[in-house]
Amino acid sequence: RRWARHFTGPVLFFLTAIPWPSILEKAAAALLMPANAAIALEVLHWLQIPAIRSGHLITLPGGTLGVEEACSGIRSLQSTLMMACFLGELYHLRGSTRAILLICGMAFALFTNALRTIGLSTLAARSGLAATHAWHDPAGLLALGANVLCLFLLTAWFVRQKKAAPVLPPA
């Protein structure tokens, strides 16, 4: 039991770092693509930008924007989960705290990727589809950087809470 607890962190880190089985990756991307498109469509309507969604495609007055597998957020999600496992192991966080870090990491990745999709679709509506090509990769890097920053800040908060907790003598 002790051995399993000792190696769980490194094994989980390894499993998030290697490529995921294609069936799992495709299933996750198939869920994320239309979800990102639906979120972006809702925000476009709030901004009074006319748009229609069909699956993972957003039709704008200037053309159709596709939220493809590369834009689904699966890579950002995988990278963020890997970073959460790494930080949990690095700071020797408790299992429950690591689980919270993983869940928050997933939420950060999904949220920042939705912001990326919203930003790119708004840019496409206002400046044309060609403008999204220039901003596609920088927006992805910015989303990943925001994920890492959020995870570091959350981890620092957990570490500070761990140090501030009173240590009781054994009974």
N, C-alpha and C. Protein backbone atom coordinates (compact mmCIF):
# COMPACT_ATOMS: atom_id res chain seq x y z
N ARG A 1 0.83 -1.19 0.00
CA ARG A 1 0.00 0.00 0.00
C ARG A 1 0.88 1.25 0.00
N ARG A 2 1.92 1.23 0.80
CA ARG A 2 2.83 2.37 0.86
C ARG A 2 3.56 2.56 -0.47
N TRP A 3 3.94 1.44 -1.05
CA TRP A 3 4.63 1.45 -2.32
C TRP A 3 3.74 2.06 -3.41
N ALA A 4 2.47 1.67 -3.44
CA ALA A 4 1.53 2.19 -4.43
C ALA A 4 1.33 3.69 -4.25
N ARG A 5 1.20 4.14 -3.01
CA ARG A 5 1.03 5.57 -2.75
C ARG A 5 2.27 6.36 -3.16
N HIS A 6 3.44 5.77 -2.95
CA HIS A 6 4.68 6.44 -3.30
C HIS A 6 4.82 6.66 -4.81
N PHE A 7 4.41 5.68 -5.60
CA PHE A 7 4.61 5.75 -7.04
C PHE A 7 3.40 6.24 -7.83
N THR A 8 2.30 6.53 -7.19
CA THR A 8 1.10 6.99 -7.90
C THR A 8 1.35 8.31 -8.63
N GLY A 9 1.98 9.27 -7.96
CA GLY A 9 2.26 10.58 -8.59
C GLY A 9 3.11 10.47 -9.84
N PRO A 10 4.26 9.82 -9.77
CA PRO A 10 5.09 9.69 -10.97
C PRO A 10 4.40 8.90 -12.10
N VAL A 11 3.63 7.89 -11.74
CA VAL A 11 2.93 7.11 -12.78
C VAL A 11 1.87 7.97 -13.45
N LEU A 12 1.10 8.74 -12.68
CA LEU A 12 0.10 9.63 -13.27
C LEU A 12 0.75 10.69 -14.14
N PHE A 13 1.88 11.22 -13.69
CA PHE A 13 2.61 12.20 -14.49
C PHE A 13 3.02 11.58 -15.82
N PHE A 14 3.54 10.38 -15.78
CA PHE A 14 3.96 9.69 -16.99
C PHE A 14 2.76 9.47 -17.93
N LEU A 15 1.63 9.06 -17.37
CA LEU A 15 0.46 8.79 -18.21
C LEU A 15 -0.12 10.05 -18.83
N THR A 16 0.07 11.21 -18.20
CA THR A 16 -0.40 12.45 -18.83
C THR A 16 0.60 12.97 -19.84
N ALA A 17 1.86 12.59 -19.71
CA ALA A 17 2.91 13.10 -20.60
C ALA A 17 2.97 12.36 -21.93
N ILE A 18 2.61 11.09 -21.95
CA ILE A 18 2.67 10.33 -23.20
C ILE A 18 1.43 10.62 -24.03
N PRO A 19 1.50 10.38 -25.34
CA PRO A 19 0.28 10.58 -26.16
C PRO A 19 -0.85 9.68 -25.67
N TRP A 20 -2.04 10.25 -25.60
CA TRP A 20 -3.19 9.50 -25.17
C TRP A 20 -3.64 8.56 -26.27
N PRO A 21 -4.29 7.46 -25.93
CA PRO A 21 -4.84 6.58 -26.97
C PRO A 21 -5.76 7.38 -27.90
N SER A 22 -5.65 7.12 -29.19
CA SER A 22 -6.39 7.95 -30.15
C SER A 22 -7.90 7.88 -29.93
N ILE A 23 -8.42 6.77 -29.49
CA ILE A 23 -9.86 6.68 -29.26
C ILE A 23 -10.30 7.61 -28.13
N LEU A 24 -9.48 7.73 -27.09
CA LEU A 24 -9.78 8.64 -25.99
C LEU A 24 -9.63 10.09 -26.43
N GLU A 25 -8.56 10.37 -27.16
CA GLU A 25 -8.31 11.74 -27.62
C GLU A 25 -9.40 12.20 -28.58
N LYS A 26 -9.79 11.35 -29.50
CA LYS A 26 -10.84 11.71 -30.47
C LYS A 26 -12.19 11.89 -29.79
N ALA A 27 -12.48 11.06 -28.80
CA ALA A 27 -13.75 11.20 -28.07
C ALA A 27 -13.78 12.52 -27.29
N ALA A 28 -12.68 12.86 -26.65
CA ALA A 28 -12.62 14.12 -25.91
C ALA A 28 -12.72 15.32 -26.86
N ALA A 29 -12.01 15.25 -27.98
CA ALA A 29 -12.07 16.34 -28.96
C ALA A 29 -13.48 16.47 -29.55
N ALA A 30 -14.14 15.34 -29.76
CA ALA A 30 -15.50 15.37 -30.31
C ALA A 30 -16.48 16.04 -29.34
N LEU A 31 -16.20 15.96 -28.03
CA LEU A 31 -17.03 16.66 -27.05
C LEU A 31 -16.67 18.14 -26.96
N LEU A 32 -15.38 18.42 -27.04
CA LEU A 32 -14.91 19.79 -26.83
C LEU A 32 -15.16 20.71 -28.02
N MET A 33 -15.06 20.19 -29.24
CA MET A 33 -15.22 21.05 -30.43
C MET A 33 -16.59 21.72 -30.48
N PRO A 34 -17.71 20.96 -30.44
CA PRO A 34 -19.00 21.64 -30.49
C PRO A 34 -19.29 22.47 -29.23
N ALA A 35 -18.76 22.05 -28.09
CA ALA A 35 -18.96 22.83 -26.86
C ALA A 35 -18.30 24.20 -26.99
N ASN A 36 -17.06 24.24 -27.49
CA ASN A 36 -16.38 25.52 -27.68
C ASN A 36 -17.12 26.38 -28.70
N ALA A 37 -17.60 25.76 -29.77
CA ALA A 37 -18.34 26.51 -30.78
C ALA A 37 -19.62 27.08 -30.20
N ALA A 38 -20.32 26.30 -29.36
CA ALA A 38 -21.57 26.78 -28.76
C ALA A 38 -21.32 27.94 -27.80
N ILE A 39 -20.26 27.85 -27.02
CA ILE A 39 -19.92 28.94 -26.09
C ILE A 39 -19.56 30.20 -26.88
N ALA A 40 -18.74 30.03 -27.91
CA ALA A 40 -18.35 31.19 -28.73
C ALA A 40 -19.57 31.81 -29.41
N LEU A 41 -20.48 30.98 -29.89
CA LEU A 41 -21.69 31.50 -30.54
C LEU A 41 -22.52 32.33 -29.57
N GLU A 42 -22.65 31.84 -28.35
CA GLU A 42 -23.43 32.59 -27.35
C GLU A 42 -22.81 33.96 -27.09
N VAL A 43 -21.49 34.01 -26.94
CA VAL A 43 -20.83 35.29 -26.69
C VAL A 43 -20.93 36.19 -27.92
N LEU A 44 -20.80 35.62 -29.11
CA LEU A 44 -20.97 36.43 -30.33
C LEU A 44 -22.36 37.06 -30.36
N HIS A 45 -23.37 36.32 -29.96
CA HIS A 45 -24.73 36.89 -29.92
C HIS A 45 -24.83 37.99 -28.87
N TRP A 46 -24.16 37.82 -27.72
CA TRP A 46 -24.15 38.88 -26.71
C TRP A 46 -23.52 40.15 -27.26
N LEU A 47 -22.50 39.96 -28.13
CA LEU A 47 -21.80 41.10 -28.73
C LEU A 47 -22.50 41.64 -29.98
N GLN A 48 -23.71 41.13 -30.24
CA GLN A 48 -24.51 41.55 -31.38
C GLN A 48 -23.84 41.22 -32.73
N ILE A 49 -23.08 40.14 -32.76
CA ILE A 49 -22.44 39.68 -34.00
C ILE A 49 -23.28 38.52 -34.53
N PRO A 50 -23.83 38.66 -35.73
CA PRO A 50 -24.66 37.58 -36.27
C PRO A 50 -23.81 36.36 -36.61
N ALA A 51 -24.24 35.22 -36.14
CA ALA A 51 -23.52 33.97 -36.38
C ALA A 51 -24.48 32.80 -36.23
N ILE A 52 -24.15 31.72 -36.94
CA ILE A 52 -24.94 30.49 -36.88
C ILE A 52 -23.96 29.35 -36.65
N ARG A 53 -24.35 28.41 -35.78
CA ARG A 53 -23.49 27.26 -35.49
C ARG A 53 -24.10 26.01 -36.08
N SER A 54 -23.23 25.20 -36.64
CA SER A 54 -23.61 23.88 -37.12
C SER A 54 -22.53 22.91 -36.66
N GLY A 55 -22.79 22.22 -35.56
CA GLY A 55 -21.78 21.32 -35.01
C GLY A 55 -20.61 22.12 -34.47
N HIS A 56 -19.45 21.94 -35.08
CA HIS A 56 -18.27 22.68 -34.64
C HIS A 56 -17.92 23.82 -35.60
N LEU A 57 -18.83 24.16 -36.49
CA LEU A 57 -18.63 25.25 -37.45
C LEU A 57 -19.44 26.47 -37.04
N ILE A 58 -18.83 27.64 -37.16
CA ILE A 58 -19.51 28.90 -36.89
C ILE A 58 -19.52 29.69 -38.18
N THR A 59 -20.72 29.96 -38.68
CA THR A 59 -20.85 30.73 -39.91
C THR A 59 -21.05 32.20 -39.55
N LEU A 60 -20.13 33.01 -40.04
CA LEU A 60 -20.14 34.46 -39.81
C LEU A 60 -20.45 35.15 -41.13
N PRO A 61 -20.77 36.44 -41.10
CA PRO A 61 -21.02 37.13 -42.37
C PRO A 61 -19.85 37.04 -43.36
N GLY A 62 -18.63 36.95 -42.88
CA GLY A 62 -17.46 36.91 -43.75
C GLY A 62 -16.99 35.52 -44.13
N GLY A 63 -17.64 34.48 -43.63
CA GLY A 63 -17.23 33.11 -43.94
C GLY A 63 -17.48 32.18 -42.78
N THR A 64 -16.99 30.96 -42.91
CA THR A 64 -17.21 29.94 -41.90
C THR A 64 -15.91 29.63 -41.16
N LEU A 65 -16.01 29.65 -39.85
CA LEU A 65 -14.87 29.37 -38.98
C LEU A 65 -15.08 27.99 -38.37
N GLY A 66 -14.07 27.14 -38.47
CA GLY A 66 -14.17 25.79 -37.92
C GLY A 66 -13.40 25.65 -36.62
N VAL A 67 -14.06 25.13 -35.61
CA VAL A 67 -13.39 24.79 -34.36
C VAL A 67 -12.96 23.33 -34.54
N GLU A 68 -11.77 23.15 -35.08
CA GLU A 68 -11.29 21.83 -35.45
C GLU A 68 -10.66 21.13 -34.25
N GLU A 69 -10.17 19.92 -34.48
CA GLU A 69 -9.58 19.12 -33.41
C GLU A 69 -8.40 19.85 -32.76
N ALA A 70 -7.62 20.56 -33.57
CA ALA A 70 -6.47 21.29 -33.03
C ALA A 70 -6.92 22.42 -32.11
N CYS A 71 -8.12 22.92 -32.31
CA CYS A 71 -8.65 24.02 -31.49
C CYS A 71 -9.58 23.54 -30.39
N SER A 72 -9.70 22.24 -30.24
CA SER A 72 -10.65 21.71 -29.27
C SER A 72 -10.20 21.96 -27.84
N GLY A 73 -8.91 22.12 -27.63
CA GLY A 73 -8.37 22.33 -26.29
C GLY A 73 -7.78 21.07 -25.69
N ILE A 74 -7.73 20.00 -26.47
CA ILE A 74 -7.24 18.73 -25.94
C ILE A 74 -5.76 18.81 -25.58
N ARG A 75 -4.96 19.51 -26.38
CA ARG A 75 -3.53 19.64 -26.08
C ARG A 75 -3.32 20.50 -24.83
N SER A 76 -4.08 21.56 -24.73
CA SER A 76 -3.99 22.42 -23.56
C SER A 76 -4.43 21.66 -22.31
N LEU A 77 -5.48 20.85 -22.45
CA LEU A 77 -5.95 20.05 -21.33
C LEU A 77 -4.89 19.04 -20.90
N GLN A 78 -4.28 18.37 -21.86
CA GLN A 78 -3.25 17.38 -21.53
C GLN A 78 -2.05 18.05 -20.87
N SER A 79 -1.61 19.18 -21.40
CA SER A 79 -0.46 19.89 -20.82
C SER A 79 -0.76 20.38 -19.41
N THR A 80 -1.97 20.86 -19.20
CA THR A 80 -2.34 21.36 -17.89
C THR A 80 -2.44 20.23 -16.87
N LEU A 81 -2.98 19.09 -17.28
CA LEU A 81 -3.03 17.94 -16.36
C LEU A 81 -1.63 17.47 -16.01
N MET A 82 -0.74 17.48 -17.00
CA MET A 82 0.64 17.08 -16.75
C MET A 82 1.30 18.04 -15.75
N MET A 83 1.07 19.33 -15.93
CA MET A 83 1.64 20.32 -15.01
C MET A 83 1.06 20.17 -13.61
N ALA A 84 -0.23 19.87 -13.51
CA ALA A 84 -0.85 19.68 -12.19
C ALA A 84 -0.24 18.46 -11.48
N CYS A 85 -0.04 17.38 -12.22
CA CYS A 85 0.60 16.19 -11.62
C CYS A 85 2.03 16.51 -11.18
N PHE A 86 2.75 17.25 -12.02
CA PHE A 86 4.13 17.61 -11.70
C PHE A 86 4.19 18.47 -10.43
N LEU A 87 3.35 19.49 -10.36
CA LEU A 87 3.38 20.38 -9.20
C LEU A 87 2.94 19.67 -7.92
N GLY A 88 1.96 18.78 -8.04
CA GLY A 88 1.53 18.01 -6.87
C GLY A 88 2.65 17.13 -6.33
N GLU A 89 3.42 16.54 -7.26
CA GLU A 89 4.55 15.68 -6.84
C GLU A 89 5.71 16.53 -6.32
N LEU A 90 5.98 17.64 -6.99
CA LEU A 90 7.10 18.50 -6.60
C LEU A 90 6.95 19.03 -5.18
N TYR A 91 5.73 19.42 -4.82
CA TYR A 91 5.50 19.99 -3.50
C TYR A 91 4.94 18.98 -2.50
N HIS A 92 4.92 17.71 -2.86
CA HIS A 92 4.46 16.64 -1.97
C HIS A 92 3.11 16.96 -1.36
N LEU A 93 2.16 17.36 -2.22
CA LEU A 93 0.83 17.68 -1.74
C LEU A 93 0.07 16.40 -1.41
N ARG A 94 -0.90 16.52 -0.51
CA ARG A 94 -1.73 15.36 -0.15
C ARG A 94 -2.55 14.93 -1.36
N GLY A 95 -3.06 13.72 -1.32
CA GLY A 95 -3.84 13.18 -2.43
C GLY A 95 -5.07 13.99 -2.73
N SER A 96 -5.78 14.43 -1.70
CA SER A 96 -6.99 15.23 -1.92
C SER A 96 -6.65 16.58 -2.53
N THR A 97 -5.54 17.17 -2.11
CA THR A 97 -5.11 18.45 -2.67
C THR A 97 -4.69 18.27 -4.13
N ARG A 98 -4.04 17.17 -4.44
CA ARG A 98 -3.66 16.89 -5.83
C ARG A 98 -4.89 16.71 -6.69
N ALA A 99 -5.91 16.06 -6.15
CA ALA A 99 -7.15 15.87 -6.91
C ALA A 99 -7.81 17.22 -7.20
N ILE A 100 -7.81 18.10 -6.20
CA ILE A 100 -8.36 19.45 -6.40
C ILE A 100 -7.54 20.19 -7.46
N LEU A 101 -6.23 20.05 -7.40
CA LEU A 101 -5.35 20.69 -8.38
C LEU A 101 -5.63 20.18 -9.79
N LEU A 102 -5.86 18.88 -9.93
CA LEU A 102 -6.19 18.30 -11.24
C LEU A 102 -7.53 18.83 -11.75
N ILE A 103 -8.53 18.86 -10.88
CA ILE A 103 -9.85 19.34 -11.30
C ILE A 103 -9.80 20.81 -11.68
N CYS A 104 -9.11 21.60 -10.86
CA CYS A 104 -8.97 23.03 -11.18
C CYS A 104 -8.17 23.23 -12.47
N GLY A 105 -7.15 22.40 -12.67
CA GLY A 105 -6.38 22.47 -13.91
C GLY A 105 -7.25 22.20 -15.12
N MET A 106 -8.12 21.20 -15.02
CA MET A 106 -9.05 20.92 -16.11
C MET A 106 -9.96 22.12 -16.37
N ALA A 107 -10.47 22.70 -15.30
CA ALA A 107 -11.35 23.86 -15.44
C ALA A 107 -10.60 25.03 -16.06
N PHE A 108 -9.36 25.28 -15.63
CA PHE A 108 -8.56 26.35 -16.22
C PHE A 108 -8.37 26.13 -17.71
N ALA A 109 -8.02 24.89 -18.09
CA ALA A 109 -7.76 24.58 -19.50
C ALA A 109 -9.01 24.77 -20.35
N LEU A 110 -10.14 24.30 -19.87
CA LEU A 110 -11.38 24.43 -20.62
C LEU A 110 -11.81 25.90 -20.73
N PHE A 111 -11.65 26.63 -19.63
CA PHE A 111 -12.03 28.04 -19.63
C PHE A 111 -11.15 28.87 -20.56
N THR A 112 -9.84 28.70 -20.47
CA THR A 112 -8.96 29.52 -21.31
C THR A 112 -9.10 29.14 -22.78
N ASN A 113 -9.38 27.87 -23.07
CA ASN A 113 -9.58 27.50 -24.47
C ASN A 113 -10.89 28.08 -24.99
N ALA A 114 -11.91 28.14 -24.15
CA ALA A 114 -13.16 28.79 -24.56
C ALA A 114 -12.90 30.28 -24.83
N LEU A 115 -12.11 30.92 -23.99
CA LEU A 115 -11.75 32.33 -24.23
C LEU A 115 -10.99 32.49 -25.54
N ARG A 116 -10.12 31.54 -25.83
CA ARG A 116 -9.36 31.56 -27.08
C ARG A 116 -10.32 31.47 -28.28
N THR A 117 -11.26 30.55 -28.21
CA THR A 117 -12.23 30.38 -29.29
C THR A 117 -13.09 31.63 -29.45
N ILE A 118 -13.51 32.20 -28.34
CA ILE A 118 -14.31 33.42 -28.38
C ILE A 118 -13.52 34.56 -29.01
N GLY A 119 -12.27 34.71 -28.58
CA GLY A 119 -11.43 35.77 -29.13
C GLY A 119 -11.19 35.62 -30.62
N LEU A 120 -10.89 34.41 -31.05
CA LEU A 120 -10.62 34.18 -32.47
C LEU A 120 -11.88 34.34 -33.31
N SER A 121 -13.02 33.90 -32.80
CA SER A 121 -14.26 34.06 -33.57
C SER A 121 -14.69 35.52 -33.64
N THR A 122 -14.47 36.27 -32.56
CA THR A 122 -14.76 37.70 -32.58
C THR A 122 -13.83 38.41 -33.56
N LEU A 123 -12.56 38.03 -33.55
CA LEU A 123 -11.60 38.59 -34.50
C LEU A 123 -12.01 38.28 -35.94
N ALA A 124 -12.45 37.06 -36.18
CA ALA A 124 -12.88 36.67 -37.53
C ALA A 124 -14.09 37.47 -37.97
N ALA A 125 -15.01 37.73 -37.05
CA ALA A 125 -16.21 38.50 -37.39
C ALA A 125 -15.90 39.96 -37.68
N ARG A 126 -14.93 40.50 -36.97
CA ARG A 126 -14.64 41.93 -37.12
C ARG A 126 -13.57 42.24 -38.17
N SER A 127 -12.60 41.32 -38.33
CA SER A 127 -11.47 41.59 -39.23
C SER A 127 -11.35 40.60 -40.38
N GLY A 128 -12.21 39.62 -40.44
CA GLY A 128 -12.15 38.63 -41.51
C GLY A 128 -11.44 37.36 -41.06
N LEU A 129 -11.71 36.29 -41.80
CA LEU A 129 -11.15 34.99 -41.44
C LEU A 129 -9.63 34.95 -41.53
N ALA A 130 -9.06 35.73 -42.44
CA ALA A 130 -7.60 35.73 -42.61
C ALA A 130 -6.88 36.21 -41.35
N ALA A 131 -7.52 37.07 -40.59
CA ALA A 131 -6.91 37.59 -39.36
C ALA A 131 -6.71 36.51 -38.32
N THR A 132 -7.56 35.48 -38.34
CA THR A 132 -7.43 34.43 -37.33
C THR A 132 -6.18 33.59 -37.53
N HIS A 133 -5.70 33.50 -38.78
CA HIS A 133 -4.49 32.71 -39.03
C HIS A 133 -3.28 33.30 -38.31
N ALA A 134 -3.20 34.61 -38.27
CA ALA A 134 -2.06 35.26 -37.61
C ALA A 134 -2.12 35.11 -36.09
N TRP A 135 -3.33 35.01 -35.53
CA TRP A 135 -3.48 34.99 -34.08
C TRP A 135 -3.75 33.61 -33.50
N HIS A 136 -3.93 32.60 -34.34
CA HIS A 136 -4.30 31.28 -33.86
C HIS A 136 -3.26 30.70 -32.89
N ASP A 137 -2.01 30.61 -33.32
CA ASP A 137 -0.97 30.03 -32.47
C ASP A 137 -0.62 30.90 -31.27
N PRO A 138 -0.46 32.23 -31.44
CA PRO A 138 -0.19 33.05 -30.24
C PRO A 138 -1.32 32.97 -29.20
N ALA A 139 -2.56 32.86 -29.66
CA ALA A 139 -3.67 32.75 -28.72
C ALA A 139 -3.58 31.42 -27.95
N GLY A 140 -3.16 30.36 -28.61
CA GLY A 140 -2.99 29.07 -27.94
C GLY A 140 -1.88 29.12 -26.91
N LEU A 141 -0.78 29.77 -27.25
CA LEU A 141 0.32 29.90 -26.29
C LEU A 141 -0.08 30.77 -25.10
N LEU A 142 -0.84 31.80 -25.38
CA LEU A 142 -1.33 32.66 -24.30
C LEU A 142 -2.25 31.89 -23.37
N ALA A 143 -3.13 31.06 -23.93
CA ALA A 143 -4.03 30.24 -23.11
C ALA A 143 -3.23 29.27 -22.26
N LEU A 144 -2.24 28.62 -22.85
CA LEU A 144 -1.40 27.68 -22.09
C LEU A 144 -0.63 28.40 -20.99
N GLY A 145 -0.10 29.58 -21.30
CA GLY A 145 0.61 30.36 -20.29
C GLY A 145 -0.31 30.76 -19.14
N ALA A 146 -1.55 31.11 -19.46
CA ALA A 146 -2.52 31.46 -18.41
C ALA A 146 -2.83 30.24 -17.54
N ASN A 147 -2.93 29.06 -18.17
CA ASN A 147 -3.17 27.83 -17.41
C ASN A 147 -2.04 27.58 -16.43
N VAL A 148 -0.81 27.66 -16.91
CA VAL A 148 0.35 27.40 -16.07
C VAL A 148 0.42 28.41 -14.93
N LEU A 149 0.18 29.67 -15.23
CA LEU A 149 0.19 30.71 -14.20
C LEU A 149 -0.87 30.44 -13.14
N CYS A 150 -2.08 30.10 -13.57
CA CYS A 150 -3.15 29.80 -12.61
C CYS A 150 -2.78 28.60 -11.74
N LEU A 151 -2.20 27.57 -12.36
CA LEU A 151 -1.80 26.39 -11.59
C LEU A 151 -0.71 26.72 -10.59
N PHE A 152 0.28 27.53 -10.99
CA PHE A 152 1.34 27.93 -10.07
C PHE A 152 0.78 28.73 -8.91
N LEU A 153 -0.13 29.65 -9.18
CA LEU A 153 -0.72 30.45 -8.11
C LEU A 153 -1.55 29.59 -7.16
N LEU A 154 -2.33 28.66 -7.72
CA LEU A 154 -3.11 27.76 -6.87
C LEU A 154 -2.21 26.85 -6.04
N THR A 155 -1.15 26.35 -6.67
CA THR A 155 -0.20 25.50 -5.94
C THR A 155 0.48 26.29 -4.82
N ALA A 156 0.88 27.51 -5.12
CA ALA A 156 1.51 28.35 -4.09
C ALA A 156 0.55 28.58 -2.92
N TRP A 157 -0.72 28.76 -3.22
CA TRP A 157 -1.71 28.94 -2.16
C TRP A 157 -1.83 27.66 -1.33
N PHE A 158 -1.88 26.49 -2.00
CA PHE A 158 -1.95 25.22 -1.27
C PHE A 158 -0.72 25.02 -0.38
N VAL A 159 0.45 25.34 -0.90
CA VAL A 159 1.68 25.18 -0.13
C VAL A 159 1.68 26.11 1.08
N ARG A 160 1.22 27.33 0.88
CA ARG A 160 1.14 28.29 1.99
C ARG A 160 0.15 27.80 3.05
N GLN A 161 -0.97 27.23 2.62
CA GLN A 161 -1.96 26.69 3.57
C GLN A 161 -1.37 25.49 4.34
N LYS A 162 -0.59 24.68 3.63
CA LYS A 162 0.03 23.51 4.25
C LYS A 162 1.03 23.93 5.33
N LYS A 163 1.80 24.98 5.05
CA LYS A 163 2.79 25.46 6.02
C LYS A 163 2.12 26.15 7.20
N ALA A 164 0.97 26.80 6.97
CA ALA A 164 0.28 27.53 8.03
C ALA A 164 -0.53 26.61 8.93
N ALA A 165 -0.80 25.40 8.49
CA ALA A 165 -1.60 24.48 9.31
C ALA A 165 -0.81 24.07 10.54
N PRO A 166 -1.46 24.09 11.70
CA PRO A 166 -0.75 23.71 12.93
C PRO A 166 -0.43 22.21 12.92
N VAL A 167 0.73 21.89 13.39
CA VAL A 167 1.17 20.49 13.48
C VAL A 167 0.86 20.00 14.89
N LEU A 168 0.02 19.00 14.98
CA LEU A 168 -0.34 18.46 16.28
C LEU A 168 0.60 17.31 16.62
N PRO A 169 1.00 17.24 17.88
CA PRO A 169 1.85 16.10 18.28
C PRO A 169 1.05 14.80 18.22
N PRO A 170 1.75 13.69 17.91
CA PRO A 170 1.04 12.42 17.87
C PRO A 170 0.46 12.05 19.22
N ALA A 171 -0.72 11.46 19.21
CA ALA A 171 -1.40 11.12 20.47
C ALA A 171 -0.91 9.81 21.04
